[in-house]
């Protein structure tokens, strides 16, 4: 898989791409991630990538020409998904991450200032994506969020793939509570079922806790989730 990120601040990604899961995935060639400096495609000696908006108002708008040139330079005959990070976009979630993980190439445009010229959306962008209902200074952090969520779904990137399958949202539910040593800490004990060695009971406990946690913390997710008869019994127990 190839992921190309277009930004006016490429150095922001240096540590992100060299550490932890992402760094290992790149090193082991599970994914090829490149950062493209948008200023390279500017059309003047000052490397200008933005200008004032038509119609007036504060802020700056990213110029269409440098962005279009950058996107076209990265396609190499392919038809990638071109993602624009914007608070006006579709809310990013695990389902969308899985959809993106099935693609051969992603190009992520990091918006800045008031956003990008609307014609870039019309001509090049396939997906407008938001990571939440709030505003950041730019699209670099959303690009990192999207990249990590997608890359960890590539087979082989996460050593234990059971961890990926058990992640919150993968099943439509939040993940169950997790515990490690010691058995007792500051007066709080690990649930006895997790120490029992009874794998069937552990599985039932984890499922019940996922259901309860989702119902309590994310009721809007719980309402959409289709409960099985076994789930209903667990909730009643």
Protein backbone atom coordinates (compact mmCIF):
# COMPACT_ATOMS: atom_id res chain seq x y z
CA UNK A 1 0.00 0.00 0.00
CA UNK A 2 1.13 3.55 -0.71
CA UNK A 3 0.09 6.63 1.28
CA UNK A 4 1.06 10.11 0.09
CA UNK A 5 0.50 13.11 2.34
CA UNK A 6 0.59 16.66 0.98
CA UNK A 7 1.47 19.34 3.53
CA UNK A 8 3.16 22.73 3.86
CA UNK A 9 4.76 21.46 7.08
CA UNK A 10 6.38 18.12 6.12
CA UNK A 11 8.73 18.07 9.11
CA UNK A 12 5.77 17.58 11.44
CA UNK A 13 5.65 13.95 10.26
CA UNK A 14 9.29 12.98 10.94
CA UNK A 15 8.89 11.47 14.42
CA UNK A 16 5.42 10.13 13.62
CA UNK A 17 6.74 8.00 10.75
CA UNK A 18 9.89 6.79 12.50
CA UNK A 19 8.51 5.48 15.79
CA UNK A 20 6.21 2.74 17.11
CA UNK A 21 3.88 0.75 14.84
CA UNK A 22 4.14 3.16 11.90
CA UNK A 23 7.93 3.18 11.94
CA UNK A 24 8.06 -0.63 11.97
CA UNK A 25 5.48 -0.90 9.20
CA UNK A 26 7.50 1.42 6.97
CA UNK A 27 10.79 -0.32 7.82
CA UNK A 28 9.31 -3.75 7.05
CA UNK A 29 7.78 -2.41 3.82
CA UNK A 30 4.17 -3.18 4.68
CA UNK A 31 3.42 0.36 3.54
CA UNK A 32 5.19 3.11 1.62
CA UNK A 33 4.46 6.52 3.17
CA UNK A 34 5.74 9.70 1.55
CA UNK A 35 5.35 13.32 2.59
CA UNK A 36 5.14 15.85 -0.24
CA UNK A 37 6.03 19.48 0.48
CA UNK A 38 3.32 21.53 -1.23
CA UNK A 39 5.67 24.51 -1.56
CA UNK A 40 7.62 22.59 -4.21
CA UNK A 41 4.65 23.09 -6.52
CA UNK A 42 4.21 26.81 -5.92
CA UNK A 43 4.30 29.00 -9.01
CA UNK A 44 6.29 31.98 -7.74
CA UNK A 45 9.71 32.61 -6.22
CA UNK A 46 8.18 33.08 -2.77
CA UNK A 47 6.71 29.54 -2.76
CA UNK A 48 3.22 30.94 -2.16
CA UNK A 49 0.52 28.35 -1.48
CA UNK A 50 -2.36 30.57 -0.30
CA UNK A 51 -4.13 33.84 -1.09
CA UNK A 52 -6.98 36.03 0.16
CA UNK A 53 -10.54 34.81 -0.44
CA UNK A 54 -12.78 36.25 -3.15
CA UNK A 55 -15.70 38.05 -1.56
CA UNK A 56 -13.63 39.31 1.35
CA UNK A 57 -13.40 38.16 4.92
CA UNK A 58 -10.51 37.15 7.12
CA UNK A 59 -8.06 34.31 6.65
CA UNK A 60 -6.38 32.77 3.66
CA UNK A 61 -7.40 30.08 1.16
CA UNK A 62 -5.02 27.48 -0.27
CA UNK A 63 -4.36 28.03 -3.97
CA UNK A 64 -5.75 25.43 -6.39
CA UNK A 65 -2.81 25.23 -8.82
CA UNK A 66 -0.10 23.95 -6.42
CA UNK A 67 -2.51 21.41 -4.93
CA UNK A 68 -3.62 20.08 -8.30
CA UNK A 69 -0.01 19.79 -9.49
CA UNK A 70 0.96 17.94 -6.33
CA UNK A 71 -1.94 15.49 -6.59
CA UNK A 72 -1.31 14.77 -10.28
CA UNK A 73 2.41 14.20 -9.63
CA UNK A 74 1.58 11.43 -7.16
CA UNK A 75 -0.91 9.41 -9.20
CA UNK A 76 1.56 7.65 -11.52
CA UNK A 77 -1.22 6.19 -13.64
CA UNK A 78 -3.20 4.94 -10.64
CA UNK A 79 -6.66 6.03 -9.51
CA UNK A 80 -6.13 6.65 -5.79
CA UNK A 81 -8.57 7.82 -3.17
CA UNK A 82 -7.80 11.52 -2.64
CA UNK A 83 -8.71 12.56 0.90
CA UNK A 84 -9.10 16.15 2.04
CA UNK A 85 -8.93 16.70 5.80
CA UNK A 86 -11.63 19.22 6.69
CA UNK A 87 -14.08 19.80 9.57
CA UNK A 88 -16.79 19.83 6.89
CA UNK A 89 -16.07 16.22 5.94
CA UNK A 90 -17.58 12.84 6.75
CA UNK A 91 -16.76 11.74 10.28
CA UNK A 92 -13.84 9.29 10.27
CA UNK A 93 -14.52 5.95 11.94
CA UNK A 94 -13.28 2.37 12.00
CA UNK A 95 -15.49 1.36 9.09
CA UNK A 96 -14.00 4.09 6.90
CA UNK A 97 -10.49 3.13 8.06
CA UNK A 98 -11.13 -0.44 6.88
CA UNK A 99 -12.44 0.86 3.57
CA UNK A 100 -9.30 2.95 3.05
CA UNK A 101 -7.08 0.02 4.09
CA UNK A 102 -8.37 -1.95 1.11
CA UNK A 103 -7.12 0.68 -1.34
CA UNK A 104 -3.88 0.48 -3.32
CA UNK A 105 -3.06 4.16 -2.78
CA UNK A 106 -4.28 7.05 -0.66
CA UNK A 107 -3.40 10.70 -1.19
CA UNK A 108 -4.16 12.87 1.84
CA UNK A 109 -4.31 16.65 1.45
CA UNK A 110 -3.68 18.54 4.69
CA UNK A 111 -5.89 21.60 4.66
CA UNK A 112 -4.75 24.85 6.29
CA UNK A 113 -6.10 28.30 7.08
CA UNK A 114 -9.73 28.73 5.94
CA UNK A 115 -9.40 25.66 3.74
CA UNK A 116 -8.68 24.89 0.10
CA UNK A 117 -10.10 26.45 -3.04
CA UNK A 118 -13.43 24.72 -3.71
CA UNK A 119 -12.32 23.76 -7.21
CA UNK A 120 -9.77 21.34 -5.74
CA UNK A 121 -12.66 19.45 -4.13
CA UNK A 122 -14.53 19.40 -7.42
CA UNK A 123 -11.58 18.33 -9.57
CA UNK A 124 -9.47 16.03 -7.42
CA UNK A 125 -10.94 15.06 -4.05
CA UNK A 126 -12.83 11.77 -3.66
CA UNK A 127 -13.37 11.95 0.12
CA UNK A 128 -13.72 14.87 2.54
CA UNK A 129 -12.93 13.53 6.02
CA UNK A 130 -13.19 15.01 9.52
CA UNK A 131 -11.87 13.48 12.74
CA UNK A 132 -14.40 15.33 14.91
CA UNK A 133 -16.64 18.31 15.41
CA UNK A 134 -13.91 20.78 16.32
CA UNK A 135 -11.41 22.95 14.44
CA UNK A 136 -7.62 22.53 14.37
CA UNK A 137 -4.93 24.77 12.90
CA UNK A 138 -4.40 22.39 10.01
CA UNK A 139 -4.92 18.93 8.60
CA UNK A 140 -1.62 17.37 9.65
CA UNK A 141 -2.91 15.80 12.88
CA UNK A 142 -6.05 14.45 11.16
CA UNK A 143 -3.77 13.01 8.45
CA UNK A 144 -1.75 11.24 11.15
CA UNK A 145 -4.93 9.87 12.74
CA UNK A 146 -6.19 8.53 9.41
CA UNK A 147 -2.79 7.08 8.50
CA UNK A 148 -2.28 5.20 11.76
CA UNK A 149 -5.84 3.86 11.84
CA UNK A 150 -5.46 2.58 8.27
CA UNK A 151 -1.94 1.16 8.51
CA UNK A 152 -2.60 -0.92 11.62
CA UNK A 153 -5.34 -2.73 9.65
CA UNK A 154 -2.86 -3.95 7.03
CA UNK A 155 -2.28 -7.68 7.67
CA UNK A 156 1.04 -8.28 9.43
CA UNK A 157 1.52 -4.74 10.75
CA UNK A 158 0.20 -5.53 14.23
CA UNK A 159 1.93 -8.66 15.49
CA UNK A 160 -1.12 -10.15 17.20
CA UNK A 161 -4.04 -9.80 14.80
CA UNK A 162 -6.44 -10.87 17.57
CA UNK A 163 -5.71 -7.44 19.08
CA UNK A 164 -6.97 -5.76 15.92
CA UNK A 165 -10.11 -7.87 15.82
CA UNK A 166 -10.82 -7.07 19.50
CA UNK A 167 -10.27 -3.31 19.14
CA UNK A 168 -13.06 -0.92 20.05
CA UNK A 169 -15.42 -0.25 17.12
CA UNK A 170 -14.15 -3.20 15.02
CA UNK A 171 -17.11 -5.29 16.19
CA UNK A 172 -19.38 -2.29 16.53
CA UNK A 173 -18.87 -2.23 20.31
CA UNK A 174 -16.39 -0.60 22.64
CA UNK A 175 -13.64 -2.87 23.91
CA UNK A 176 -14.00 -4.63 27.27
CA UNK A 177 -11.88 -3.53 30.29
CA UNK A 178 -8.29 -4.80 30.35
CA UNK A 179 -6.14 -5.74 33.35
CA UNK A 180 -2.54 -6.81 33.95
CA UNK A 181 -0.31 -7.47 37.00
CA UNK A 182 -0.58 -7.03 39.97
CA UNK A 183 -3.82 -8.79 40.88
CA UNK A 184 -4.59 -6.07 43.42
CA UNK A 185 -3.68 -2.40 43.09
CA UNK A 186 -4.60 0.40 45.49
CA UNK A 187 -7.49 -1.63 46.86
CA UNK A 188 -8.89 -2.63 43.46
CA UNK A 189 -8.76 -6.27 42.32
CA UNK A 190 -8.78 -7.96 38.94
CA UNK A 191 -12.17 -9.66 38.30
CA UNK A 192 -11.92 -13.28 39.44
CA UNK A 193 -13.21 -14.65 36.14
CA UNK A 194 -10.06 -13.39 34.39
CA UNK A 195 -7.92 -15.44 36.78
CA UNK A 196 -10.05 -18.59 36.49
CA UNK A 197 -8.53 -20.07 33.34
CA UNK A 198 -12.04 -20.78 32.06
CA UNK A 199 -11.81 -19.42 28.51
CA UNK A 200 -15.52 -19.74 27.79
CA UNK A 201 -16.43 -17.73 30.90
CA UNK A 202 -13.75 -15.13 30.11
CA UNK A 203 -15.20 -14.75 26.63
CA UNK A 204 -18.72 -14.33 28.03
CA UNK A 205 -17.51 -11.78 30.61
CA UNK A 206 -15.69 -9.74 27.98
CA UNK A 207 -18.71 -9.73 25.69
CA UNK A 208 -21.00 -8.62 28.51
CA UNK A 209 -18.60 -5.86 29.56
CA UNK A 210 -18.34 -4.62 25.97
CA UNK A 211 -22.11 -4.45 25.75
CA UNK A 212 -22.47 -2.68 29.10
CA UNK A 213 -19.68 -0.23 28.38
CA UNK A 214 -21.05 0.66 24.96
CA UNK A 215 -24.56 1.14 26.35
CA UNK A 216 -23.25 3.41 29.12
CA UNK A 217 -20.62 5.43 27.25
CA UNK A 218 -21.78 5.44 23.63
CA UNK A 219 -25.57 4.95 23.62
CA UNK A 220 -25.81 6.09 19.99
CA UNK A 221 -23.58 3.16 18.96
CA UNK A 222 -25.50 0.75 21.15
CA UNK A 223 -28.81 1.73 19.54
CA UNK A 224 -27.46 0.78 16.11
CA UNK A 225 -25.99 -2.53 17.26
CA UNK A 226 -27.97 -5.69 16.51
CA UNK A 227 -28.12 -7.75 19.69
CA UNK A 228 -28.14 -11.53 19.46
CA UNK A 229 -30.26 -13.65 21.80
CA UNK A 230 -27.08 -14.48 23.69
CA UNK A 231 -26.28 -10.76 24.03
CA UNK A 232 -29.73 -10.14 25.49
CA UNK A 233 -29.23 -12.94 28.02
CA UNK A 234 -25.86 -11.49 29.02
CA UNK A 235 -27.37 -8.07 29.60
CA UNK A 236 -30.13 -9.56 31.72
CA UNK A 237 -27.73 -11.64 33.83
